[in-house]
C-alpha atoms as a PDB file:
ATOM      1  CA  MET A   1     -53.864  98.640  32.955  1.00  0.00           C
ATOM      2  CA  PHE A   2     -50.875  96.559  31.557  1.00  0.00           C
ATOM      3  CA  CYS A   3     -50.430  94.643  28.265  1.00  0.00           C
ATOM      4  CA  GLU A   4     -50.655  90.832  29.048  1.00  0.00           C
ATOM      5  CA  LYS A   5     -48.159  90.098  26.406  1.00  0.00           C
ATOM      6  CA  CYS A   6     -45.047  92.520  27.393  1.00  0.00           C
ATOM      7  CA  LYS A   7     -46.281  93.857  30.646  1.00  0.00           C
ATOM      8  CA  SER A   8     -46.031  97.459  29.273  1.00  0.00           C
ATOM      9  CA  LEU A   9     -48.387 100.218  30.131  1.00  0.00           C
ATOM     10  CA  LEU A  10     -51.487 100.442  27.910  1.00  0.00           C
ATOM     11  CA  PHE A  11     -52.323 104.025  26.384  1.00  0.00           C
ATOM     12  CA  PRO A  12     -55.657 105.246  25.412  1.00  0.00           C
ATOM     13  CA  GLN A  13     -56.353 105.988  21.814  1.00  0.00           C
ATOM     14  CA  ASP A  14     -59.509 106.285  19.823  1.00  0.00           C
ATOM     15  CA  GLY A  15     -61.687 104.611  22.763  1.00  0.00           C
ATOM     16  CA  LYS A  16     -59.256 101.609  22.959  1.00  0.00           C
ATOM     17  CA  LEU A  17     -56.189 100.717  24.829  1.00  0.00           C
ATOM     18  CA  ILE A  18     -52.925 100.220  22.808  1.00  0.00           C
ATOM     19  CA  CYS A  19     -49.641  98.873  23.903  1.00  0.00           C
ATOM     20  CA  ARG A  20     -46.896 101.357  22.644  1.00  0.00           C
ATOM     21  CA  LYS A  21     -44.236  98.543  22.710  1.00  0.00           C
ATOM     22  CA  CYS A  22     -45.733  95.381  20.979  1.00  0.00           C
ATOM     23  CA  GLY A  23     -48.890  96.946  19.470  1.00  0.00           C
ATOM     24  CA  THR A  24     -51.568  94.952  21.140  1.00  0.00           C
ATOM     25  CA  VAL A  25     -55.075  96.434  21.338  1.00  0.00           C
ATOM     26  CA  TYR A  26     -57.302  96.199  24.291  1.00  0.00           C
ATOM     27  CA  GLU A  27     -61.163  97.299  23.856  1.00  0.00           C
ATOM     28  CA  PRO A  28     -62.935  97.861  27.240  1.00  0.00           C
ATOM     29  CA  ASN A  29     -65.843  95.666  28.057  1.00  0.00           C
ATOM     30  CA  LYS A  30     -69.178  97.458  28.845  1.00  0.00           C
ATOM     31  CA  LYS A  31     -68.468  96.871  32.807  1.00  0.00           C
ATOM     32  CA  ASP A  32     -65.108  98.643  32.581  1.00  0.00           C
ATOM     33  CA  GLN A  33     -65.105 102.349  33.342  1.00  0.00           C
ATOM     34  CA  VAL A  34     -62.887 104.668  31.172  1.00  0.00           C
ATOM     35  CA  ILE A  35     -62.097 107.975  32.833  1.00  0.00           C
ATOM     36  CA  LYS A  36     -60.141 110.135  30.741  1.00  0.00           C
ATOM     37  CA  HIS A  37     -57.624 112.711  32.610  1.00  0.00           C
ATOM     38  CA  LYS A  38     -55.864 115.376  30.456  1.00  0.00           C
ATOM     39  CA  SER A  39     -52.722 117.023  32.059  1.00  0.00           C
ATOM     40  CA  LYS A  40     -49.856 118.701  30.391  1.00  0.00           C
ATOM     41  CA  ASP A  41     -50.850 117.217  27.103  1.00  0.00           C
ATOM     42  CA  LYS A  42     -51.006 113.618  28.340  1.00  0.00           C
ATOM     43  CA  GLU A  43     -53.930 111.385  28.731  1.00  0.00           C
ATOM     44  CA  MET A  44     -54.377 108.779  31.345  1.00  0.00           C
ATOM     45  CA  ALA A  45     -57.068 106.179  31.463  1.00  0.00           C
ATOM     46  CA  VAL A  46     -58.333 104.396  34.724  1.00  0.00           C
ATOM     47  CA  MET A  47     -60.084 101.205  34.267  1.00  0.00           C
ATOM     48  CA  GLY A  48     -62.140  99.293  36.718  1.00  0.00           C
ATOM     49  CA  GLU A  49     -65.511  98.541  37.434  1.00  0.00           C
ATOM     50  CA  ILE A  50     -67.380 100.307  39.946  1.00  0.00           C
ATOM     51  CA  SER A  51     -69.908  98.138  41.607  1.00  0.00           C
ATOM     52  CA  GLY A  52     -70.984  96.320  44.983  1.00  0.00           C
ATOM     53  CA  THR A  53     -71.964  98.340  47.984  1.00  0.00           C
ATOM     54  CA  LEU A  54     -70.509 101.493  47.819  1.00  0.00           C
ATOM     55  CA  PRO A  55     -70.614 104.781  50.316  1.00  0.00           C
ATOM     56  CA  THR A  56     -72.851 107.512  49.333  1.00  0.00           C
ATOM     57  CA  ALA A  57     -72.057 111.493  49.799  1.00  0.00           C
ATOM     58  CA  ASP A  58     -73.979 114.443  49.542  1.00  0.00           C
ATOM     59  CA  ALA A  59     -72.559 115.712  46.305  1.00  0.00           C
ATOM     60  CA  GLU A  60     -74.347 117.620  43.688  1.00  0.00           C
ATOM     61  CA  CYS A  61     -74.591 116.248  40.329  1.00  0.00           C
ATOM     62  CA  SER A  62     -73.584 118.690  37.460  1.00  0.00           C
ATOM     63  CA  SER A  63     -75.719 116.890  34.823  1.00  0.00           C
ATOM     64  CA  CYS A  64     -79.224 116.475  36.759  1.00  0.00           C
ATOM     65  CA  GLY A  65     -78.930 118.567  39.851  1.00  0.00           C
ATOM     66  CA  HIS A  66     -79.399 115.338  42.341  1.00  0.00           C
ATOM     67  CA  ASN A  67     -77.536 115.982  45.547  1.00  0.00           C
ATOM     68  CA  LYS A  68     -76.456 112.296  46.139  1.00  0.00           C
ATOM     69  CA  ALA A  69     -73.601 110.379  44.639  1.00  0.00           C
ATOM     70  CA  TYR A  70     -71.745 106.973  45.241  1.00  0.00           C
ATOM     71  CA  TRP A  71     -67.976 107.647  45.603  1.00  0.00           C
ATOM     72  CA  VAL A  72     -64.808 105.506  45.337  1.00  0.00           C
ATOM     73  CA  LEU A  73     -61.056 106.210  45.782  1.00  0.00           C
ATOM     74  CA  ARG A  74     -58.437 105.393  43.143  1.00  0.00           C
ATOM     75  CA  GLN A  75     -54.796 106.097  42.936  1.00  0.00           C
ATOM     76  CA  THR A  76     -54.557 108.010  39.571  1.00  0.00           C
ATOM     77  CA  ARG A  77     -51.307 109.680  39.878  1.00  0.00           C
ATOM     78  CA  ALA A  78     -47.812 108.751  41.406  1.00  0.00           C
ATOM     79  CA  ALA A  79     -47.733 106.997  44.555  1.00  0.00           C
ATOM     80  CA  ASP A  80     -46.647 110.012  46.636  1.00  0.00           C
ATOM     81  CA  GLU A  81     -49.742 111.972  45.498  1.00  0.00           C
ATOM     82  CA  PRO A  82     -53.104 111.786  47.061  1.00  0.00           C
ATOM     83  CA  GLU A  83     -56.080 109.685  45.764  1.00  0.00           C
ATOM     84  CA  THR A  84     -58.686 110.749  43.485  1.00  0.00           C
ATOM     85  CA  ARG A  85     -62.210 110.480  44.764  1.00  0.00           C
ATOM     86  CA  ILE A  86     -64.634 109.671  41.764  1.00  0.00           C
ATOM     87  CA  PHE A  87     -68.293 110.189  42.231  1.00  0.00           C
ATOM     88  CA  ARG A  88     -71.090 108.649  40.311  1.00  0.00           C
ATOM     89  CA  CYS A  89     -74.682 110.171  40.682  1.00  0.00           C
ATOM     90  CA  VAL A  90     -77.261 107.745  42.241  1.00  0.00           C
ATOM     91  CA  LYS A  91     -80.049 109.272  39.644  1.00  0.00           C
ATOM     92  CA  CYS A  92     -78.370 109.590  36.317  1.00  0.00           C
ATOM     93  CA  GLY A  93     -74.927 107.743  36.805  1.00  0.00           C
ATOM     94  CA  HIS A  94     -73.029 110.904  35.602  1.00  0.00           C
ATOM     95  CA  SER A  95     -69.343 110.427  36.879  1.00  0.00           C
ATOM     96  CA  TRP A  96     -66.872 113.351  37.935  1.00  0.00           C
ATOM     97  CA  ARG A  97     -63.896 113.272  40.066  1.00  0.00           C
ATOM     98  CA  GLU A  98     -62.304 115.507  43.052  1.00  0.00           C
ATOM     99  CA  TYR A  99     -59.000 115.584  43.506  1.00  0.00           C
END
Protein backbone atom coordinates (compact mmCIF):
# COMPACT_ATOMS: atom_id res chain seq x y z
CA MET A 1 0.00 0.00 0.00
CA PHE A 2 1.00 3.59 -0.42
CA CYS A 3 0.79 6.58 1.93
CA GLU A 4 -2.18 8.84 1.19
CA LYS A 5 -0.23 11.97 2.19
CA CYS A 6 3.11 11.60 0.40
CA LYS A 7 2.48 8.60 -1.90
CA SER A 8 5.47 6.67 -0.49
CA LEU A 9 5.48 2.94 0.14
CA LEU A 10 4.17 1.78 3.55
CA PHE A 11 6.20 -0.77 5.51
CA PRO A 12 4.94 -3.27 8.14
CA GLN A 13 5.95 -2.72 11.76
CA ASP A 14 4.28 -4.17 14.87
CA GLY A 15 1.07 -5.11 13.02
CA LYS A 16 0.69 -1.64 11.45
CA LEU A 17 1.86 -0.07 8.21
CA ILE A 18 4.14 2.95 8.59
CA CYS A 19 5.37 5.51 6.07
CA ARG A 20 9.12 5.98 6.49
CA LYS A 21 9.01 9.35 4.74
CA CYS A 22 6.29 11.27 6.64
CA GLY A 23 5.54 8.93 9.59
CA THR A 24 1.86 8.26 8.81
CA VAL A 25 0.55 5.11 10.55
CA TYR A 26 -2.09 2.91 8.88
CA GLU A 27 -3.93 0.25 10.89
CA PRO A 28 -5.41 -2.53 8.70
CA ASN A 29 -9.17 -3.15 8.86
CA LYS A 30 -10.57 -6.57 9.76
CA LYS A 31 -11.44 -7.17 6.10
CA ASP A 32 -7.84 -6.48 4.97
CA GLN A 33 -5.53 -9.42 4.73
CA VAL A 34 -1.89 -8.97 5.69
CA ILE A 35 0.49 -11.58 4.41
CA LYS A 36 4.04 -11.27 5.65
CA HIS A 37 6.86 -12.47 3.48
CA LYS A 38 10.45 -12.44 4.67
CA SER A 39 13.18 -12.57 2.07
CA LYS A 40 16.80 -11.56 2.63
CA ASP A 41 15.98 -9.69 5.86
CA LYS A 42 13.21 -7.67 4.20
CA GLU A 43 9.55 -7.92 5.12
CA MET A 44 6.76 -7.15 2.67
CA ALA A 45 3.03 -6.88 3.36
CA VAL A 46 0.40 -7.62 0.75
CA MET A 47 -2.91 -5.95 1.54
CA GLY A 48 -6.24 -6.76 0.01
CA GLU A 49 -9.58 -8.26 0.71
CA ILE A 50 -10.15 -11.79 -0.52
CA SER A 51 -13.87 -12.04 -1.08
CA GLY A 52 -16.50 -12.76 -3.69
CA THR A 53 -16.77 -15.89 -5.77
CA LEU A 54 -13.34 -17.47 -5.81
CA PRO A 55 -12.00 -20.48 -7.67
CA THR A 56 -11.19 -23.59 -5.66
CA ALA A 57 -8.37 -26.07 -6.05
CA ASP A 58 -7.41 -29.44 -4.63
CA ALA A 59 -4.75 -28.36 -2.13
CA GLU A 60 -4.13 -29.88 1.28
CA CYS A 61 -4.28 -27.51 4.25
CA SER A 62 -1.29 -27.94 6.57
CA SER A 63 -3.41 -26.77 9.52
CA CYS A 64 -6.49 -29.01 9.37
CA GLY A 65 -5.76 -31.48 6.54
CA HIS A 66 -8.81 -30.48 4.46
CA ASN A 67 -8.17 -30.86 0.73
CA LYS A 68 -10.09 -27.91 -0.80
CA ALA A 69 -8.89 -24.29 -0.84
CA TYR A 70 -9.82 -20.98 -2.45
CA TRP A 71 -7.01 -19.29 -4.39
CA VAL A 72 -6.14 -15.88 -5.84
CA LEU A 73 -3.14 -14.59 -7.78
CA ARG A 74 -1.24 -11.54 -6.49
CA GLN A 75 1.81 -9.77 -7.86
CA THR A 76 3.94 -9.77 -4.70
CA ARG A 77 7.36 -9.28 -6.25
CA ALA A 78 8.79 -7.30 -9.17
CA ALA A 79 6.76 -7.02 -12.36
CA ASP A 80 9.14 -9.32 -14.23
CA GLU A 81 8.66 -12.08 -11.63
CA PRO A 82 5.72 -14.56 -11.73
CA GLU A 83 2.64 -14.05 -9.58
CA THR A 84 2.18 -15.65 -6.17
CA ARG A 85 -0.81 -17.96 -5.71
CA ILE A 86 -2.40 -17.45 -2.30
CA PHE A 87 -4.53 -20.28 -0.94
CA ARG A 88 -7.14 -20.13 1.85
CA CYS A 89 -8.62 -23.32 3.30
CA VAL A 90 -12.38 -23.67 2.72
CA LYS A 91 -12.83 -25.33 6.12
CA CYS A 92 -10.61 -23.48 8.64
CA GLY A 93 -9.56 -20.30 6.77
CA HIS A 94 -5.80 -20.97 7.10
CA SER A 95 -3.82 -19.11 4.38
CA TRP A 96 -0.59 -20.08 2.64
CA ARG A 97 1.16 -19.20 -0.59
CA GLU A 98 2.83 -20.92 -3.52
CA TYR A 99 5.47 -19.26 -5.68
